[in-house]
C-alpha atoms as a PDB file:
ATOM      1  CA  MET A   1      20.913 -35.747  28.923  1.00  0.00           C
ATOM      2  CA  TYR A   2      22.102 -32.851  26.773  1.00  0.00           C
ATOM      3  CA  LEU A   3      22.907 -30.889  29.889  1.00  0.00           C
ATOM      4  CA  ALA A   4      25.167 -33.697  31.114  1.00  0.00           C
ATOM      5  CA  LEU A   5      26.961 -33.778  27.761  1.00  0.00           C
ATOM      6  CA  LEU A   6      27.488 -30.029  27.798  1.00  0.00           C
ATOM      7  CA  LEU A   7      28.836 -30.128  31.339  1.00  0.00           C
ATOM      8  CA  ALA A   8      31.117 -33.049  30.508  1.00  0.00           C
ATOM      9  CA  GLN A   9      32.641 -31.110  27.612  1.00  0.00           C
ATOM     10  CA  ALA A  10      33.468 -28.117  29.781  1.00  0.00           C
ATOM     11  CA  GLN A  11      37.152 -28.049  30.565  1.00  0.00           C
ATOM     12  CA  PRO A  12      38.234 -27.816  34.174  1.00  0.00           C
ATOM     13  CA  GLY A  13      39.425 -24.365  35.036  1.00  0.00           C
ATOM     14  CA  ALA A  14      37.487 -22.762  32.175  1.00  0.00           C
ATOM     15  CA  ASP A  15      35.088 -19.940  32.855  1.00  0.00           C
ATOM     16  CA  GLN A  16      31.755 -21.455  33.979  1.00  0.00           C
ATOM     17  CA  GLY A  17      29.816 -18.509  32.544  1.00  0.00           C
ATOM     18  CA  SER A  18      30.400 -19.851  29.052  1.00  0.00           C
ATOM     19  CA  GLY A  19      28.363 -22.965  29.955  1.00  0.00           C
ATOM     20  CA  ILE A  20      25.270 -20.845  30.465  1.00  0.00           C
ATOM     21  CA  TRP A  21      25.734 -19.177  27.082  1.00  0.00           C
ATOM     22  CA  SER A  22      26.038 -22.559  25.420  1.00  0.00           C
ATOM     23  CA  LEU A  23      22.511 -23.404  26.631  1.00  0.00           C
ATOM     24  CA  MET A  24      21.090 -20.294  24.987  1.00  0.00           C
ATOM     25  CA  PRO A  25      20.353 -21.949  21.586  1.00  0.00           C
ATOM     26  CA  ILE A  26      18.388 -24.697  23.319  1.00  0.00           C
ATOM     27  CA  LEU A  27      16.332 -22.142  25.247  1.00  0.00           C
ATOM     28  CA  MET A  28      15.700 -20.198  22.055  1.00  0.00           C
ATOM     29  CA  MET A  29      14.455 -23.364  20.327  1.00  0.00           C
ATOM     30  CA  VAL A  30      12.034 -24.028  23.185  1.00  0.00           C
ATOM     31  CA  VAL A  31      10.654 -20.480  23.001  1.00  0.00           C
ATOM     32  CA  LEU A  32      10.397 -20.658  19.216  1.00  0.00           C
ATOM     33  CA  GLY A  33       8.639 -24.034  19.456  1.00  0.00           C
ATOM     34  CA  TYR A  34       6.100 -22.562  21.850  1.00  0.00           C
ATOM     35  CA  PHE A  35       5.238 -19.705  19.495  1.00  0.00           C
ATOM     36  CA  LEU A  36       5.160 -21.884  16.370  1.00  0.00           C
ATOM     37  CA  LEU A  37       3.406 -24.988  17.705  1.00  0.00           C
ATOM     38  CA  PHE A  38       1.617 -24.719  21.025  1.00  0.00           C
ATOM     39  CA  ARG A  39       0.198 -21.219  20.856  1.00  0.00           C
ATOM     40  CA  PRO A  40      -1.574 -21.691  17.483  1.00  0.00           C
ATOM     41  CA  MET A  41      -2.989 -25.026  18.687  1.00  0.00           C
ATOM     42  CA  ARG A  42      -4.450 -23.324  21.761  1.00  0.00           C
ATOM     43  CA  GLN A  43      -6.025 -20.582  19.647  1.00  0.00           C
ATOM     44  CA  GLN A  44      -7.472 -23.154  17.257  1.00  0.00           C
ATOM     45  CA  GLU A  45      -8.937 -25.122  20.169  1.00  0.00           C
ATOM     46  CA  LYS A  46     -10.537 -21.957  21.573  1.00  0.00           C
ATOM     47  CA  GLN A  47     -12.144 -21.266  18.182  1.00  0.00           C
ATOM     48  CA  ARG A  48     -13.482 -24.824  18.041  1.00  0.00           C
ATOM     49  CA  GLN A  49     -14.892 -24.561  21.565  1.00  0.00           C
ATOM     50  CA  ALA A  50     -16.656 -21.332  20.578  1.00  0.00           C
ATOM     51  CA  LEU A  51     -18.070 -23.009  17.457  1.00  0.00           C
ATOM     52  CA  VAL A  52     -19.430 -25.949  19.439  1.00  0.00           C
ATOM     53  CA  SER A  53     -20.889 -23.764  22.180  1.00  0.00           C
ATOM     54  CA  GLN A  54     -22.854 -21.726  19.608  1.00  0.00           C
ATOM     55  CA  LEU A  55     -24.568 -24.705  17.965  1.00  0.00           C
ATOM     56  CA  LYS A  56     -28.301 -24.286  17.602  1.00  0.00           C
ATOM     57  CA  LYS A  57     -31.223 -25.987  15.921  1.00  0.00           C
ATOM     58  CA  ASN A  58     -31.268 -25.954  12.087  1.00  0.00           C
ATOM     59  CA  ASP A  59     -27.514 -25.357  11.740  1.00  0.00           C
ATOM     60  CA  GLU A  60     -25.984 -27.371   8.918  1.00  0.00           C
ATOM     61  CA  VAL A  61     -22.818 -29.090  10.150  1.00  0.00           C
ATOM     62  CA  LEU A  62     -20.041 -31.391   9.000  1.00  0.00           C
ATOM     63  CA  THR A  63     -18.860 -34.172  11.298  1.00  0.00           C
ATOM     64  CA  SER A  64     -15.340 -35.552  11.542  1.00  0.00           C
ATOM     65  CA  GLY A  65     -16.592 -38.661   9.737  1.00  0.00           C
ATOM     66  CA  GLY A  66     -17.549 -36.583   6.702  1.00  0.00           C
ATOM     67  CA  ILE A  67     -21.298 -36.690   7.321  1.00  0.00           C
ATOM     68  CA  TYR A  68     -23.340 -33.580   6.564  1.00  0.00           C
ATOM     69  CA  GLY A  69     -26.413 -33.048   8.693  1.00  0.00           C
ATOM     70  CA  ILE A  70     -28.808 -30.515  10.139  1.00  0.00           C
ATOM     71  CA  VAL A  71     -28.933 -30.039  13.906  1.00  0.00           C
ATOM     72  CA  VAL A  72     -32.251 -31.203  15.316  1.00  0.00           C
ATOM     73  CA  SER A  73     -31.486 -30.802  19.001  1.00  0.00           C
ATOM     74  CA  VAL A  74     -28.608 -29.890  21.281  1.00  0.00           C
ATOM     75  CA  LYS A  75     -28.560 -31.337  24.789  1.00  0.00           C
ATOM     76  CA  GLU A  76     -27.074 -28.642  26.993  1.00  0.00           C
ATOM     77  CA  GLY A  77     -26.441 -30.899  29.987  1.00  0.00           C
ATOM     78  CA  SER A  78     -24.527 -33.480  27.986  1.00  0.00           C
ATOM     79  CA  ASP A  79     -22.106 -33.602  25.099  1.00  0.00           C
ATOM     80  CA  GLU A  80     -24.685 -34.782  22.571  1.00  0.00           C
ATOM     81  CA  VAL A  81     -26.170 -33.387  19.363  1.00  0.00           C
ATOM     82  CA  ALA A  82     -28.908 -34.981  17.240  1.00  0.00           C
ATOM     83  CA  LEU A  83     -28.510 -34.589  13.481  1.00  0.00           C
ATOM     84  CA  LYS A  84     -31.043 -35.058  10.697  1.00  0.00           C
ATOM     85  CA  ILE A  85     -29.289 -36.720   7.778  1.00  0.00           C
ATOM     86  CA  ASP A  86     -32.005 -37.023   5.145  1.00  0.00           C
ATOM     87  CA  GLU A  87     -34.987 -34.759   4.506  1.00  0.00           C
ATOM     88  CA  ASN A  88     -37.222 -37.625   3.356  1.00  0.00           C
ATOM     89  CA  SER A  89     -36.575 -40.161   6.103  1.00  0.00           C
ATOM     90  CA  PRO A  90     -36.822 -40.039   9.886  1.00  0.00           C
ATOM     91  CA  VAL A  91     -33.149 -41.016  10.293  1.00  0.00           C
ATOM     92  CA  ARG A  92     -31.421 -39.195  13.147  1.00  0.00           C
ATOM     93  CA  LEU A  93     -27.824 -39.542  14.295  1.00  0.00           C
ATOM     94  CA  ARG A  94     -26.665 -38.825  17.805  1.00  0.00           C
ATOM     95  CA  VAL A  95     -23.090 -37.515  17.809  1.00  0.00           C
ATOM     96  CA  THR A  96     -20.847 -35.835  20.331  1.00  0.00           C
ATOM     97  CA  LYS A  97     -20.195 -32.128  20.106  1.00  0.00           C
ATOM     98  CA  GLY A  98     -16.505 -32.891  19.689  1.00  0.00           C
ATOM     99  CA  SER A  99     -17.146 -34.711  16.428  1.00  0.00           C
ATOM    100  CA  ILE A 100     -18.553 -31.591  14.774  1.00  0.00           C
ATOM    101  CA  VAL A 101     -15.793 -30.073  12.700  1.00  0.00           C
ATOM    102  CA  ARG A 102     -17.489 -27.147  11.038  1.00  0.00           C
ATOM    103  CA  VAL A 103     -20.766 -25.267  10.706  1.00  0.00           C
ATOM    104  CA  ILE A 104     -21.723 -24.797   7.067  1.00  0.00           C
ATOM    105  CA  PRO A 105     -23.009 -21.260   6.429  1.00  0.00           C
ATOM    106  CA  ARG A 106     -26.439 -21.099   4.865  1.00  0.00           C
ATOM    107  CA  ASP A 107     -26.365 -19.220   1.569  1.00  0.00           C
ATOM    108  CA  LYS A 108     -29.621 -17.316   1.098  1.00  0.00           C
ATOM    109  CA  ASP A 109     -28.978 -16.877  -2.630  1.00  0.00           C
ATOM    110  CA  LYS A 110     -28.574 -20.633  -3.019  1.00  0.00           C
ATOM    111  CA  ASP A 111     -32.288 -21.180  -3.684  1.00  0.00           C
ATOM    112  CA  SER A 112     -32.702 -18.319  -6.122  1.00  0.00           C
ATOM    113  CA  PRO A 113     -32.298 -19.136  -9.840  1.00  0.00           C
ATOM    114  CA  LYS A 114     -29.265 -17.674 -11.583  1.00  0.00           C
ATOM    115  CA  ASP A 115     -28.993 -16.573 -15.179  1.00  0.00           C
ATOM    116  CA  LYS A 116     -26.749 -19.050 -16.967  1.00  0.00           C
ATOM    117  CA  ASP A 117     -26.757 -17.290 -20.358  1.00  0.00           C
ATOM    118  CA  GLU A 118     -26.061 -13.596 -20.418  1.00  0.00           C
ATOM    119  CA  GLY A 119     -25.792 -12.676 -24.006  1.00  0.00           C
END
């Protein structure tokens, strides 16, 4: 549609090379849009795919629904992960790998007591 408007505005007898230069800002916006929008989304999706492919038993994860859980099993043939939600109950959730947003790193110093008063 924009191309038709640009061609309609060109005066008869004018140099047709100027029409190509008038399209240059549109082409620059497309290239800029690619580098600002689509390329970062592709890189982010690759990182997420790597995260999901490296899931293993006993990883603590966060789902897209905001549920924290510990991976009990990962079915390699399907897109399914079983999560343990509570330590004291046998409740297990089956979720898709796509619903896992992040793997929570285990802090080894988390269980050790810290000195609250130093002085």
